[in-house]
């Protein structure tokens, strides 16, 4: 299977922006080769936002991170819309 070279979608960027606007995340650490935006959490650990915006994980490391609920993800997307 070939790797996708596509970067984060608009939805993924909005979710990451929402995490930062609400103070849950401090800043973007990196975009991983596995297709996630990695953000440092304000209270320790990290958030990983899938490049397609369909999944958000939270934990001390990627391997042990747990998926967050869809309602939370949608809320972060709404907060991350630029002109609000």
C-alpha atoms as a PDB file:
ATOM      1  CA  UNK A   1       0.000   0.000   0.000  1.00  0.00           C
ATOM      2  CA  UNK A   2       1.407   3.405  -0.962  1.00  0.00           C
ATOM      3  CA  UNK A   3       1.698   6.131   1.689  1.00  0.00           C
ATOM      4  CA  UNK A   4      -0.461   9.184   1.248  1.00  0.00           C
ATOM      5  CA  UNK A   5       1.455  12.426   0.890  1.00  0.00           C
ATOM      6  CA  UNK A   6      -1.634  14.524   1.582  1.00  0.00           C
ATOM      7  CA  UNK A   7      -1.340  16.872   4.528  1.00  0.00           C
ATOM      8  CA  UNK A   8      -3.944  17.706   7.148  1.00  0.00           C
ATOM      9  CA  UNK A   9      -7.433  18.569   5.919  1.00  0.00           C
ATOM     10  CA  UNK A  10      -9.233  21.800   6.764  1.00  0.00           C
ATOM     11  CA  UNK A  11     -11.227  19.883   9.393  1.00  0.00           C
ATOM     12  CA  UNK A  12      -8.055  18.547  11.075  1.00  0.00           C
ATOM     13  CA  UNK A  13      -6.546  22.042  11.163  1.00  0.00           C
ATOM     14  CA  UNK A  14      -9.739  23.445  12.702  1.00  0.00           C
ATOM     15  CA  UNK A  15      -9.724  20.767  15.396  1.00  0.00           C
ATOM     16  CA  UNK A  16      -6.076  21.516  16.233  1.00  0.00           C
ATOM     17  CA  UNK A  17      -6.840  25.249  16.305  1.00  0.00           C
ATOM     18  CA  UNK A  18      -9.843  24.574  18.574  1.00  0.00           C
ATOM     19  CA  UNK A  19      -7.673  22.613  21.008  1.00  0.00           C
ATOM     20  CA  UNK A  20      -5.295  25.580  21.202  1.00  0.00           C
ATOM     21  CA  UNK A  21      -8.029  28.254  21.438  1.00  0.00           C
ATOM     22  CA  UNK A  22      -9.651  26.487  24.381  1.00  0.00           C
ATOM     23  CA  UNK A  23      -6.315  26.163  26.153  1.00  0.00           C
ATOM     24  CA  UNK A  24      -6.345  22.371  26.031  1.00  0.00           C
ATOM     25  CA  UNK A  25      -3.238  22.300  23.836  1.00  0.00           C
ATOM     26  CA  UNK A  26      -0.222  24.575  24.056  1.00  0.00           C
ATOM     27  CA  UNK A  27       1.205  24.283  20.545  1.00  0.00           C
ATOM     28  CA  UNK A  28       1.671  22.011  17.559  1.00  0.00           C
ATOM     29  CA  UNK A  29       4.673  19.757  17.957  1.00  0.00           C
ATOM     30  CA  UNK A  30       4.806  18.088  14.534  1.00  0.00           C
ATOM     31  CA  UNK A  31       2.909  16.415  11.728  1.00  0.00           C
ATOM     32  CA  UNK A  32       3.783  12.740  11.913  1.00  0.00           C
ATOM     33  CA  UNK A  33       4.562  10.427   9.018  1.00  0.00           C
ATOM     34  CA  UNK A  34       1.662   8.275  10.243  1.00  0.00           C
ATOM     35  CA  UNK A  35      -0.827  10.986   9.330  1.00  0.00           C
ATOM     36  CA  UNK A  36      -1.431  12.864  12.588  1.00  0.00           C
ATOM     37  CA  UNK A  37      -0.943  16.399  13.878  1.00  0.00           C
ATOM     38  CA  UNK A  38       0.731  16.138  17.287  1.00  0.00           C
ATOM     39  CA  UNK A  39      -0.021  18.848  19.872  1.00  0.00           C
ATOM     40  CA  UNK A  40       1.350  19.200  23.410  1.00  0.00           C
ATOM     41  CA  UNK A  41      -1.431  19.123  26.002  1.00  0.00           C
ATOM     42  CA  UNK A  42      -1.583  21.961  28.534  1.00  0.00           C
ATOM     43  CA  UNK A  43      -1.918  19.441  31.400  1.00  0.00           C
ATOM     44  CA  UNK A  44       0.678  16.942  30.230  1.00  0.00           C
ATOM     45  CA  UNK A  45       0.725  14.385  27.480  1.00  0.00           C
ATOM     46  CA  UNK A  46      -0.271  14.959  23.887  1.00  0.00           C
ATOM     47  CA  UNK A  47      -3.173  15.148  21.450  1.00  0.00           C
ATOM     48  CA  UNK A  48      -2.953  13.474  18.036  1.00  0.00           C
ATOM     49  CA  UNK A  49      -5.397  14.717  15.398  1.00  0.00           C
ATOM     50  CA  UNK A  50      -5.739  12.460  12.340  1.00  0.00           C
ATOM     51  CA  UNK A  51      -4.972  14.275   9.081  1.00  0.00           C
ATOM     52  CA  UNK A  52      -8.523  13.564   7.893  1.00  0.00           C
ATOM     53  CA  UNK A  53      -9.990  14.967  11.144  1.00  0.00           C
ATOM     54  CA  UNK A  54     -11.964  11.802  11.899  1.00  0.00           C
ATOM     55  CA  UNK A  55     -10.011  10.746  15.011  1.00  0.00           C
ATOM     56  CA  UNK A  56      -8.432  12.545  17.948  1.00  0.00           C
ATOM     57  CA  UNK A  57      -6.330  10.641  20.459  1.00  0.00           C
ATOM     58  CA  UNK A  58      -5.072  11.807  23.870  1.00  0.00           C
ATOM     59  CA  UNK A  59      -2.394  10.324  26.117  1.00  0.00           C
ATOM     60  CA  UNK A  60       1.186  10.291  27.310  1.00  0.00           C
ATOM     61  CA  UNK A  61       2.333   8.543  24.128  1.00  0.00           C
ATOM     62  CA  UNK A  62       0.784   7.493  20.840  1.00  0.00           C
ATOM     63  CA  UNK A  63       0.801   3.781  21.589  1.00  0.00           C
ATOM     64  CA  UNK A  64      -1.261   4.164  24.795  1.00  0.00           C
ATOM     65  CA  UNK A  65      -3.427   7.112  23.694  1.00  0.00           C
ATOM     66  CA  UNK A  66      -7.195   6.780  23.851  1.00  0.00           C
ATOM     67  CA  UNK A  67      -9.680   8.003  21.270  1.00  0.00           C
ATOM     68  CA  UNK A  68     -11.886  10.965  22.177  1.00  0.00           C
ATOM     69  CA  UNK A  69     -15.633  11.083  21.545  1.00  0.00           C
ATOM     70  CA  UNK A  70     -17.120  12.454  18.351  1.00  0.00           C
ATOM     71  CA  UNK A  71     -19.025  15.208  20.169  1.00  0.00           C
ATOM     72  CA  UNK A  72     -15.796  16.564  21.636  1.00  0.00           C
ATOM     73  CA  UNK A  73     -14.092  16.451  18.239  1.00  0.00           C
ATOM     74  CA  UNK A  74     -16.994  18.331  16.611  1.00  0.00           C
ATOM     75  CA  UNK A  75     -16.940  20.944  19.381  1.00  0.00           C
ATOM     76  CA  UNK A  76     -13.210  21.554  18.876  1.00  0.00           C
ATOM     77  CA  UNK A  77     -13.805  21.893  15.131  1.00  0.00           C
ATOM     78  CA  UNK A  78     -16.497  24.553  15.722  1.00  0.00           C
ATOM     79  CA  UNK A  79     -14.229  26.500  18.080  1.00  0.00           C
ATOM     80  CA  UNK A  80     -11.432  26.299  15.514  1.00  0.00           C
ATOM     81  CA  UNK A  81     -13.355  28.071  12.754  1.00  0.00           C
ATOM     82  CA  UNK A  82     -11.302  31.163  11.987  1.00  0.00           C
ATOM     83  CA  UNK A  83     -13.932  33.942  11.878  1.00  0.00           C
ATOM     84  CA  UNK A  84     -15.631  33.434  15.233  1.00  0.00           C
END
